[in-house]
Full PDB file with SEQRES, HELIX, SHEET, SSBOND, CRYST1, ORIGX, SCALE, CONECT and MASTER records, all heavy atoms in Angstrom:
SEQRES   1 A   40  GLY CYS SER SER THR GLY SER SER ASP THR SER SER SER          
SEQRES   2 A   40  ALA SER PRO LYS ALA THR SER SER ALA ALA VAL ALA PRO          
SEQRES   3 A   40  ALA GLU LYS PRO GLY ALA LEU THR ALA GLN GLN ALA VAL          
SEQRES   4 A   40  ALA                                                          
HELIX    1 AA1 ALA A   35  VAL A   39  1                                   5    
CRYST1    1.000    1.000    1.000  90.00  90.00  90.00 P 1           1          
ORIGX1      1.000000  0.000000  0.000000        0.00000                         
ORIGX2      0.000000  1.000000  0.000000        0.00000                         
ORIGX3      0.000000  0.000000  1.000000        0.00000                         
SCALE1      1.000000  0.000000  0.000000        0.00000                         
SCALE2      0.000000  1.000000  0.000000        0.00000                         
SCALE3      0.000000  0.000000  1.000000        0.00000                         
ATOM      1  N   GLY A   1    -123.415-145.374   5.668  1.00  0.00           N  
ATOM      2  CA  GLY A   1    -122.442-144.380   5.250  1.00  0.00           C  
ATOM      3  C   GLY A   1    -123.038-142.996   5.127  1.00  0.00           C  
ATOM      4  O   GLY A   1    -124.209-142.770   5.360  1.00  0.00           O  
ATOM      5  N   CYS A   2    -122.204-142.060   4.764  1.00  0.00           N  
ATOM      6  CA  CYS A   2    -122.628-140.662   4.648  1.00  0.00           C  
ATOM      7  C   CYS A   2    -123.692-140.512   3.575  1.00  0.00           C  
ATOM      8  O   CYS A   2    -123.734-141.269   2.624  1.00  0.00           O  
ATOM      9  CB  CYS A   2    -121.434-139.784   4.275  1.00  0.00           C  
ATOM     10  SG  CYS A   2    -120.127-139.851   5.482  1.00  0.00           S  
ATOM     11  N   SER A   3    -124.540-139.504   3.726  1.00  0.00           N  
ATOM     12  CA  SER A   3    -125.552-139.267   2.710  1.00  0.00           C  
ATOM     13  C   SER A   3    -124.931-138.541   1.540  1.00  0.00           C  
ATOM     14  O   SER A   3    -123.960-137.824   1.687  1.00  0.00           O  
ATOM     15  CB  SER A   3    -126.719-138.455   3.284  1.00  0.00           C  
ATOM     16  OG  SER A   3    -126.326-137.137   3.511  1.00  0.00           O  
ATOM     17  N   SER A   4    -125.503-138.734   0.390  1.00  0.00           N  
ATOM     18  CA  SER A   4    -125.029-138.110  -0.824  1.00  0.00           C  
ATOM     19  C   SER A   4    -125.844-136.867  -1.114  1.00  0.00           C  
ATOM     20  O   SER A   4    -127.034-136.841  -0.902  1.00  0.00           O  
ATOM     21  CB  SER A   4    -125.179-139.098  -1.987  1.00  0.00           C  
ATOM     22  OG  SER A   4    -124.968-138.467  -3.201  1.00  0.00           O  
ATOM     23  N   THR A   5    -125.185-135.844  -1.614  1.00  0.00           N  
ATOM     24  CA  THR A   5    -125.924-134.657  -2.009  1.00  0.00           C  
ATOM     25  C   THR A   5    -126.088-134.588  -3.515  1.00  0.00           C  
ATOM     26  O   THR A   5    -126.760-133.718  -4.020  1.00  0.00           O  
ATOM     27  CB  THR A   5    -125.229-133.368  -1.516  1.00  0.00           C  
ATOM     28  OG1 THR A   5    -123.893-133.363  -2.016  1.00  0.00           O  
ATOM     29  CG2 THR A   5    -125.224-133.308   0.000  1.00  0.00           C  
ATOM     30  N   GLY A   6    -125.472-135.532  -4.215  1.00  0.00           N  
ATOM     31  CA  GLY A   6    -125.633-135.576  -5.660  1.00  0.00           C  
ATOM     32  C   GLY A   6    -126.903-136.312  -6.024  1.00  0.00           C  
ATOM     33  O   GLY A   6    -127.609-136.817  -5.185  1.00  0.00           O  
ATOM     34  N   SER A   7    -127.174-136.387  -7.313  1.00  0.00           N  
ATOM     35  CA  SER A   7    -128.361-137.115  -7.733  1.00  0.00           C  
ATOM     36  C   SER A   7    -127.933-138.279  -8.591  1.00  0.00           C  
ATOM     37  O   SER A   7    -126.841-138.311  -9.132  1.00  0.00           O  
ATOM     38  CB  SER A   7    -129.313-136.196  -8.502  1.00  0.00           C  
ATOM     39  OG  SER A   7    -128.694-135.763  -9.686  1.00  0.00           O  
ATOM     40  N   SER A   8    -128.804-139.258  -8.700  1.00  0.00           N  
ATOM     41  CA  SER A   8    -128.538-140.426  -9.519  1.00  0.00           C  
ATOM     42  C   SER A   8    -129.839-140.896 -10.128  1.00  0.00           C  
ATOM     43  O   SER A   8    -130.910-140.480  -9.736  1.00  0.00           O  
ATOM     44  CB  SER A   8    -127.914-141.522  -8.660  1.00  0.00           C  
ATOM     45  OG  SER A   8    -128.833-141.936  -7.683  1.00  0.00           O  
ATOM     46  N   ASP A   9    -129.734-141.815 -11.060  1.00  0.00           N  
ATOM     47  CA  ASP A   9    -130.910-142.373 -11.698  1.00  0.00           C  
ATOM     48  C   ASP A   9    -131.640-143.239 -10.684  1.00  0.00           C  
ATOM     49  O   ASP A   9    -131.057-144.150 -10.130  1.00  0.00           O  
ATOM     50  CB  ASP A   9    -130.471-143.204 -12.907  1.00  0.00           C  
ATOM     51  CG  ASP A   9    -131.633-143.899 -13.577  1.00  0.00           C  
ATOM     52  OD1 ASP A   9    -132.790-143.531 -13.315  1.00  0.00           O  
ATOM     53  OD2 ASP A   9    -131.372-144.797 -14.378  1.00  0.00           O  
ATOM     54  N   THR A  10    -132.891-142.953 -10.439  1.00  0.00           N  
ATOM     55  CA  THR A  10    -133.652-143.717  -9.445  1.00  0.00           C  
ATOM     56  C   THR A  10    -134.749-144.533 -10.104  1.00  0.00           C  
ATOM     57  O   THR A  10    -135.708-144.903  -9.470  1.00  0.00           O  
ATOM     58  CB  THR A  10    -134.284-142.762  -8.408  1.00  0.00           C  
ATOM     59  OG1 THR A  10    -135.166-141.881  -9.100  1.00  0.00           O  
ATOM     60  CG2 THR A  10    -133.239-141.994  -7.654  1.00  0.00           C  
ATOM     61  N   SER A  11    -134.572-144.863 -11.358  1.00  0.00           N  
ATOM     62  CA  SER A  11    -135.617-145.590 -12.065  1.00  0.00           C  
ATOM     63  C   SER A  11    -135.512-147.098 -11.874  1.00  0.00           C  
ATOM     64  O   SER A  11    -136.218-147.838 -12.510  1.00  0.00           O  
ATOM     65  CB  SER A  11    -135.582-145.239 -13.548  1.00  0.00           C  
ATOM     66  OG  SER A  11    -134.329-145.586 -14.093  1.00  0.00           O  
ATOM     67  N   SER A  12    -134.621-147.559 -11.016  1.00  0.00           N  
ATOM     68  CA  SER A  12    -134.434-148.981 -10.795  1.00  0.00           C  
ATOM     69  C   SER A  12    -135.709-149.647 -10.309  1.00  0.00           C  
ATOM     70  O   SER A  12    -136.316-149.215  -9.357  1.00  0.00           O  
ATOM     71  CB  SER A  12    -133.322-149.192  -9.757  1.00  0.00           C  
ATOM     72  OG  SER A  12    -133.274-150.537  -9.366  1.00  0.00           O  
ATOM     73  N   SER A  13    -136.077-150.728 -10.955  1.00  0.00           N  
ATOM     74  CA  SER A  13    -137.264-151.448 -10.515  1.00  0.00           C  
ATOM     75  C   SER A  13    -136.986-152.228  -9.241  1.00  0.00           C  
ATOM     76  O   SER A  13    -137.900-152.692  -8.589  1.00  0.00           O  
ATOM     77  CB  SER A  13    -137.743-152.391 -11.615  1.00  0.00           C  
ATOM     78  OG  SER A  13    -136.742-153.343 -11.905  1.00  0.00           O  
ATOM     79  N   ALA A  14    -135.708-152.366  -8.861  1.00  0.00           N  
ATOM     80  CA  ALA A  14    -135.368-153.081  -7.635  1.00  0.00           C  
ATOM     81  C   ALA A  14    -135.671-152.253  -6.396  1.00  0.00           C  
ATOM     82  O   ALA A  14    -135.694-152.775  -5.310  1.00  0.00           O  
ATOM     83  CB  ALA A  14    -133.886-153.456  -7.649  1.00  0.00           C  
ATOM     84  N   SER A  15    -135.871-150.969  -6.545  1.00  0.00           N  
ATOM     85  CA  SER A  15    -136.131-150.101  -5.406  1.00  0.00           C  
ATOM     86  C   SER A  15    -137.395-149.299  -5.638  1.00  0.00           C  
ATOM     87  O   SER A  15    -137.329-148.121  -5.985  1.00  0.00           O  
ATOM     88  CB  SER A  15    -134.951-149.147  -5.184  1.00  0.00           C  
ATOM     89  OG  SER A  15    -133.794-149.858  -4.884  1.00  0.00           O  
ATOM     90  N   PRO A  16    -138.556-149.903  -5.462  1.00  0.00           N  
ATOM     91  CA  PRO A  16    -139.802-149.165  -5.687  1.00  0.00           C  
ATOM     92  C   PRO A  16    -139.891-147.975  -4.746  1.00  0.00           C  
ATOM     93  O   PRO A  16    -139.434-148.034  -3.623  1.00  0.00           O  
ATOM     94  CB  PRO A  16    -140.896-150.180  -5.368  1.00  0.00           C  
ATOM     95  CG  PRO A  16    -140.243-151.487  -5.175  1.00  0.00           C  
ATOM     96  CD  PRO A  16    -138.790-151.263  -5.024  1.00  0.00           C  
ATOM     97  N   LYS A  17    -140.490-146.897  -5.226  1.00  0.00           N  
ATOM     98  CA  LYS A  17    -140.674-145.739  -4.378  1.00  0.00           C  
ATOM     99  C   LYS A  17    -141.859-144.951  -4.886  1.00  0.00           C  
ATOM    100  O   LYS A  17    -142.317-145.147  -5.992  1.00  0.00           O  
ATOM    101  CB  LYS A  17    -139.422-144.865  -4.348  1.00  0.00           C  
ATOM    102  CG  LYS A  17    -139.156-144.176  -5.681  1.00  0.00           C  
ATOM    103  CD  LYS A  17    -137.993-143.246  -5.582  1.00  0.00           C  
ATOM    104  CE  LYS A  17    -137.847-142.577  -6.936  1.00  0.00           C  
ATOM    105  NZ  LYS A  17    -136.814-141.632  -7.002  1.00  0.00           N  
ATOM    106  N   ALA A  18    -142.321-144.083  -4.051  1.00  0.00           N  
ATOM    107  CA  ALA A  18    -143.415-143.210  -4.440  1.00  0.00           C  
ATOM    108  C   ALA A  18    -143.151-141.846  -3.844  1.00  0.00           C  
ATOM    109  O   ALA A  18    -142.567-141.731  -2.790  1.00  0.00           O  
ATOM    110  CB  ALA A  18    -144.741-143.746  -3.923  1.00  0.00           C  
ATOM    111  N   THR A  19    -143.533-140.840  -4.564  1.00  0.00           N  
ATOM    112  CA  THR A  19    -143.433-139.496  -4.015  1.00  0.00           C  
ATOM    113  C   THR A  19    -144.811-138.883  -4.047  1.00  0.00           C  
ATOM    114  O   THR A  19    -145.641-139.228  -4.869  1.00  0.00           O  
ATOM    115  CB  THR A  19    -142.445-138.620  -4.817  1.00  0.00           C  
ATOM    116  OG1 THR A  19    -142.879-138.583  -6.164  1.00  0.00           O  
ATOM    117  CG2 THR A  19    -141.024-139.156  -4.730  1.00  0.00           C  
ATOM    118  N   SER A  20    -145.031-137.994  -3.154  1.00  0.00           N  
ATOM    119  CA  SER A  20    -146.329-137.341  -3.081  1.00  0.00           C  
ATOM    120  C   SER A  20    -146.173-135.898  -3.493  1.00  0.00           C  
ATOM    121  O   SER A  20    -145.229-135.230  -3.096  1.00  0.00           O  
ATOM    122  CB  SER A  20    -146.872-137.416  -1.652  1.00  0.00           C  
ATOM    123  OG  SER A  20    -148.015-136.615  -1.539  1.00  0.00           O  
ATOM    124  N   SER A  21    -147.086-135.416  -4.278  1.00  0.00           N  
ATOM    125  CA  SER A  21    -147.032-134.020  -4.679  1.00  0.00           C  
ATOM    126  C   SER A  21    -147.767-133.142  -3.683  1.00  0.00           C  
ATOM    127  O   SER A  21    -147.776-131.930  -3.816  1.00  0.00           O  
ATOM    128  CB  SER A  21    -147.625-133.848  -6.079  1.00  0.00           C  
ATOM    129  OG  SER A  21    -148.966-134.295  -6.074  1.00  0.00           O  
ATOM    130  N   ALA A  22    -148.379-133.752  -2.667  1.00  0.00           N  
ATOM    131  CA  ALA A  22    -149.095-132.974  -1.662  1.00  0.00           C  
ATOM    132  C   ALA A  22    -148.107-132.120  -0.877  1.00  0.00           C  
ATOM    133  O   ALA A  22    -147.029-132.565  -0.532  1.00  0.00           O  
ATOM    134  CB  ALA A  22    -149.837-133.915  -0.706  1.00  0.00           C  
ATOM    135  N   ALA A  23    -148.479-130.896  -0.633  1.00  0.00           N  
ATOM    136  CA  ALA A  23    -147.599-130.002   0.109  1.00  0.00           C  
ATOM    137  C   ALA A  23    -147.584-130.396   1.576  1.00  0.00           C  
ATOM    138  O   ALA A  23    -148.619-130.517   2.212  1.00  0.00           O  
ATOM    139  CB  ALA A  23    -148.069-128.561  -0.038  1.00  0.00           C  
ATOM    140  N   VAL A  24    -146.381-130.639   2.085  1.00  0.00           N  
ATOM    141  CA  VAL A  24    -146.195-130.956   3.491  1.00  0.00           C  
ATOM    142  C   VAL A  24    -145.147-129.990   4.015  1.00  0.00           C  
ATOM    143  O   VAL A  24    -144.138-129.740   3.370  1.00  0.00           O  
ATOM    144  CB  VAL A  24    -145.713-132.418   3.671  1.00  0.00           C  
ATOM    145  CG1 VAL A  24    -145.362-132.689   5.112  1.00  0.00           C  
ATOM    146  CG2 VAL A  24    -146.792-133.372   3.210  1.00  0.00           C  
ATOM    147  N   ALA A  25    -145.357-129.464   5.180  1.00  0.00           N  
ATOM    148  CA  ALA A  25    -144.433-128.502   5.755  1.00  0.00           C  
ATOM    149  C   ALA A  25    -143.072-129.144   5.981  1.00  0.00           C  
ATOM    150  O   ALA A  25    -142.991-130.276   6.428  1.00  0.00           O  
ATOM    151  CB  ALA A  25    -144.976-127.986   7.087  1.00  0.00           C  
ATOM    152  N   PRO A  26    -141.977-128.449   5.656  1.00  0.00           N  
ATOM    153  CA  PRO A  26    -140.654-128.969   5.949  1.00  0.00           C  
ATOM    154  C   PRO A  26    -140.503-129.197   7.453  1.00  0.00           C  
ATOM    155  O   PRO A  26    -141.178-128.591   8.258  1.00  0.00           O  
ATOM    156  CB  PRO A  26    -139.707-127.860   5.468  1.00  0.00           C  
ATOM    157  CG  PRO A  26    -140.499-127.098   4.462  1.00  0.00           C  
ATOM    158  CD  PRO A  26    -141.925-127.181   4.939  1.00  0.00           C  
ATOM    159  N   ALA A  27    -139.565-130.074   7.805  1.00  0.00           N  
ATOM    160  CA  ALA A  27    -139.411-130.509   9.187  1.00  0.00           C  
ATOM    161  C   ALA A  27    -139.094-129.371  10.150  1.00  0.00           C  
ATOM    162  O   ALA A  27    -139.403-129.457  11.319  1.00  0.00           O  
ATOM    163  CB  ALA A  27    -138.317-131.568   9.265  1.00  0.00           C  
ATOM    164  N   GLU A  28    -138.450-128.291   9.685  1.00  0.00           N  
ATOM    165  CA  GLU A  28    -138.071-127.244  10.623  1.00  0.00           C  
ATOM    166  C   GLU A  28    -139.227-126.314  10.986  1.00  0.00           C  
ATOM    167  O   GLU A  28    -139.112-125.497  11.875  1.00  0.00           O  
ATOM    168  CB  GLU A  28    -136.871-126.435  10.101  1.00  0.00           C  
ATOM    169  CG  GLU A  28    -137.184-125.435   8.995  1.00  0.00           C  
ATOM    170  CD  GLU A  28    -137.148-126.020   7.595  1.00  0.00           C  
ATOM    171  OE1 GLU A  28    -137.024-127.230   7.434  1.00  0.00           O  
ATOM    172  OE2 GLU A  28    -137.240-125.236   6.633  1.00  0.00           O  
ATOM    173  N   LYS A  29    -140.345-126.425  10.318  1.00  0.00           N  
ATOM    174  CA  LYS A  29    -141.482-125.554  10.593  1.00  0.00           C  
ATOM    175  C   LYS A  29    -142.326-126.108  11.729  1.00  0.00           C  
ATOM    176  O   LYS A  29    -142.456-127.324  11.874  1.00  0.00           O  
ATOM    177  CB  LYS A  29    -142.341-125.392   9.338  1.00  0.00           C  
ATOM    178  CG  LYS A  29    -141.614-124.630   8.251  1.00  0.00           C  
ATOM    179  CD  LYS A  29    -142.530-124.275   7.119  1.00  0.00           C  
ATOM    180  CE  LYS A  29    -141.756-123.465   6.092  1.00  0.00           C  
ATOM    181  NZ  LYS A  29    -142.566-123.143   4.951  1.00  0.00           N  
ATOM    182  N   PRO A  30    -142.923-125.231  12.522  1.00  0.00           N  
ATOM    183  CA  PRO A  30    -143.794-125.701  13.600  1.00  0.00           C  
ATOM    184  C   PRO A  30    -144.914-126.575  13.044  1.00  0.00           C  
ATOM    185  O   PRO A  30    -145.451-126.316  11.980  1.00  0.00           O  
ATOM    186  CB  PRO A  30    -144.354-124.409  14.200  1.00  0.00           C  
ATOM    187  CG  PRO A  30    -143.406-123.336  13.767  1.00  0.00           C  
ATOM    188  CD  PRO A  30    -142.829-123.789  12.456  1.00  0.00           C  
ATOM    189  N   GLY A  31    -145.245-127.625  13.774  1.00  0.00           N  
ATOM    190  CA  GLY A  31    -146.315-128.505  13.353  1.00  0.00           C  
ATOM    191  C   GLY A  31    -145.855-129.658  12.475  1.00  0.00           C  
ATOM    192  O   GLY A  31    -146.622-130.567  12.205  1.00  0.00           O  
ATOM    193  N   ALA A  32    -144.589-129.627  12.012  1.00  0.00           N  
ATOM    194  CA  ALA A  32    -144.080-130.727  11.201  1.00  0.00           C  
ATOM    195  C   ALA A  32    -143.910-131.963  12.084  1.00  0.00           C  
ATOM    196  O   ALA A  32    -143.623-131.862  13.268  1.00  0.00           O  
ATOM    197  CB  ALA A  32    -142.745-130.343  10.568  1.00  0.00           C  
ATOM    198  N   LEU A  33    -144.094-133.134  11.502  1.00  0.00           N  
ATOM    199  CA  LEU A  33    -143.985-134.374  12.252  1.00  0.00           C  
ATOM    200  C   LEU A  33    -142.541-134.747  12.536  1.00  0.00           C  
ATOM    201  O   LEU A  33    -141.663-134.538  11.704  1.00  0.00           O  
ATOM    202  CB  LEU A  33    -144.625-135.520  11.464  1.00  0.00           C  
ATOM    203  CG  LEU A  33    -146.117-135.473  11.207  1.00  0.00           C  
ATOM    204  CD1 LEU A  33    -146.534-136.656  10.336  1.00  0.00           C  
ATOM    205  CD2 LEU A  33    -146.890-135.475  12.502  1.00  0.00           C  
ATOM    206  N   THR A  34    -142.311-135.341  13.695  1.00  0.00           N  
ATOM    207  CA  THR A  34    -141.041-136.000  13.967  1.00  0.00           C  
ATOM    208  C   THR A  34    -141.149-137.415  13.419  1.00  0.00           C  
ATOM    209  O   THR A  34    -142.249-137.887  13.094  1.00  0.00           O  
ATOM    210  CB  THR A  34    -140.748-136.063  15.477  1.00  0.00           C  
ATOM    211  OG1 THR A  34    -141.731-136.910  16.091  1.00  0.00           O  
ATOM    212  CG2 THR A  34    -140.752-134.684  16.120  1.00  0.00           C  
ATOM    213  N   ALA A  35    -140.038-138.124  13.360  1.00  0.00           N  
ATOM    214  CA  ALA A  35    -140.062-139.502  12.883  1.00  0.00           C  
ATOM    215  C   ALA A  35    -140.941-140.370  13.782  1.00  0.00           C  
ATOM    216  O   ALA A  35    -141.713-141.203  13.300  1.00  0.00           O  
ATOM    217  CB  ALA A  35    -138.647-140.055  12.809  1.00  0.00           C  
ATOM    218  N   GLN A  36    -140.862-140.161  15.091  1.00  0.00           N  
ATOM    219  CA  GLN A  36    -141.677-140.942  16.019  1.00  0.00           C  
ATOM    220  C   GLN A  36    -143.166-140.679  15.779  1.00  0.00           C  
ATOM    221  O   GLN A  36    -143.973-141.607  15.771  1.00  0.00           O  
ATOM    222  CB  GLN A  36    -141.307-140.606  17.457  1.00  0.00           C  
ATOM    223  CG  GLN A  36    -142.060-141.423  18.478  1.00  0.00           C  
ATOM    224  CD  GLN A  36    -141.606-141.163  19.908  1.00  0.00           C  
ATOM    225  OE1 GLN A  36    -140.752-140.325  20.170  1.00  0.00           O  
ATOM    226  NE2 GLN A  36    -142.176-141.902  20.839  1.00  0.00           N  
ATOM    227  N   GLN A  37    -143.534-139.429  15.553  1.00  0.00           N  
ATOM    228  CA  GLN A  37    -144.935-139.102  15.267  1.00  0.00           C  
ATOM    229  C   GLN A  37    -145.380-139.693  13.933  1.00  0.00           C  
ATOM    230  O   GLN A  37    -146.520-140.149  13.794  1.00  0.00           O  
ATOM    231  CB  GLN A  37    -145.126-137.583  15.260  1.00  0.00           C  
ATOM    232  CG  GLN A  37    -144.963-136.952  16.631  1.00  0.00           C  
ATOM    233  CD  GLN A  37    -144.848-135.434  16.551  1.00  0.00           C  
ATOM    234  OE1 GLN A  37    -144.347-134.877  15.571  1.00  0.00           O  
ATOM    235  NE2 GLN A  37    -145.301-134.755  17.604  1.00  0.00           N  
ATOM    236  N   ALA A  38    -144.490-139.686  12.941  1.00  0.00           N  
ATOM    237  CA  ALA A  38    -144.823-140.259  11.638  1.00  0.00           C  
ATOM    238  C   ALA A  38    -145.040-141.767  11.747  1.00  0.00           C  
ATOM    239  O   ALA A  38    -145.970-142.311  11.149  1.00  0.00           O  
ATOM    240  CB  ALA A  38    -143.726-139.946  10.620  1.00  0.00           C  
ATOM    241  N   VAL A  39    -144.207-142.449  12.548  1.00  0.00           N  
ATOM    242  CA  VAL A  39    -144.398-143.887  12.753  1.00  0.00           C  
ATOM    243  C   VAL A  39    -145.745-144.137  13.426  1.00  0.00           C  
ATOM    244  O   VAL A  39    -146.492-145.042  13.035  1.00  0.00           O  
ATOM    245  CB  VAL A  39    -143.233-144.497  13.567  1.00  0.00           C  
ATOM    246  CG1 VAL A  39    -143.565-145.916  14.027  1.00  0.00           C  
ATOM    247  CG2 VAL A  39    -141.950-144.495  12.752  1.00  0.00           C  
ATOM    248  N   ALA A  40    -146.089-143.320  14.425  1.00  0.00           N  
ATOM    249  CA  ALA A  40    -147.386-143.467  15.096  1.00  0.00           C  
ATOM    250  C   ALA A  40    -148.529-143.260  14.108  1.00  0.00           C  
ATOM    251  O   ALA A  40    -149.526-143.999  14.130  1.00  0.00           O  
ATOM    252  CB  ALA A  40    -147.492-142.483  16.256  1.00  0.00           C  
TER     253      ALA A  40                                                      
MASTER        0    0    0    1    0    0    0    6  252    1    0    4          
END                                                                             
């Protein structure tokens, strides 16, 4: 379905996740990875 732009509680233990505080260039900037490059 469509993506949501709202926020919700993501503390569910059923959906583990991790975020990185390392600065990574947004996708629209030159040098940013595509999904295919990220999988590689």
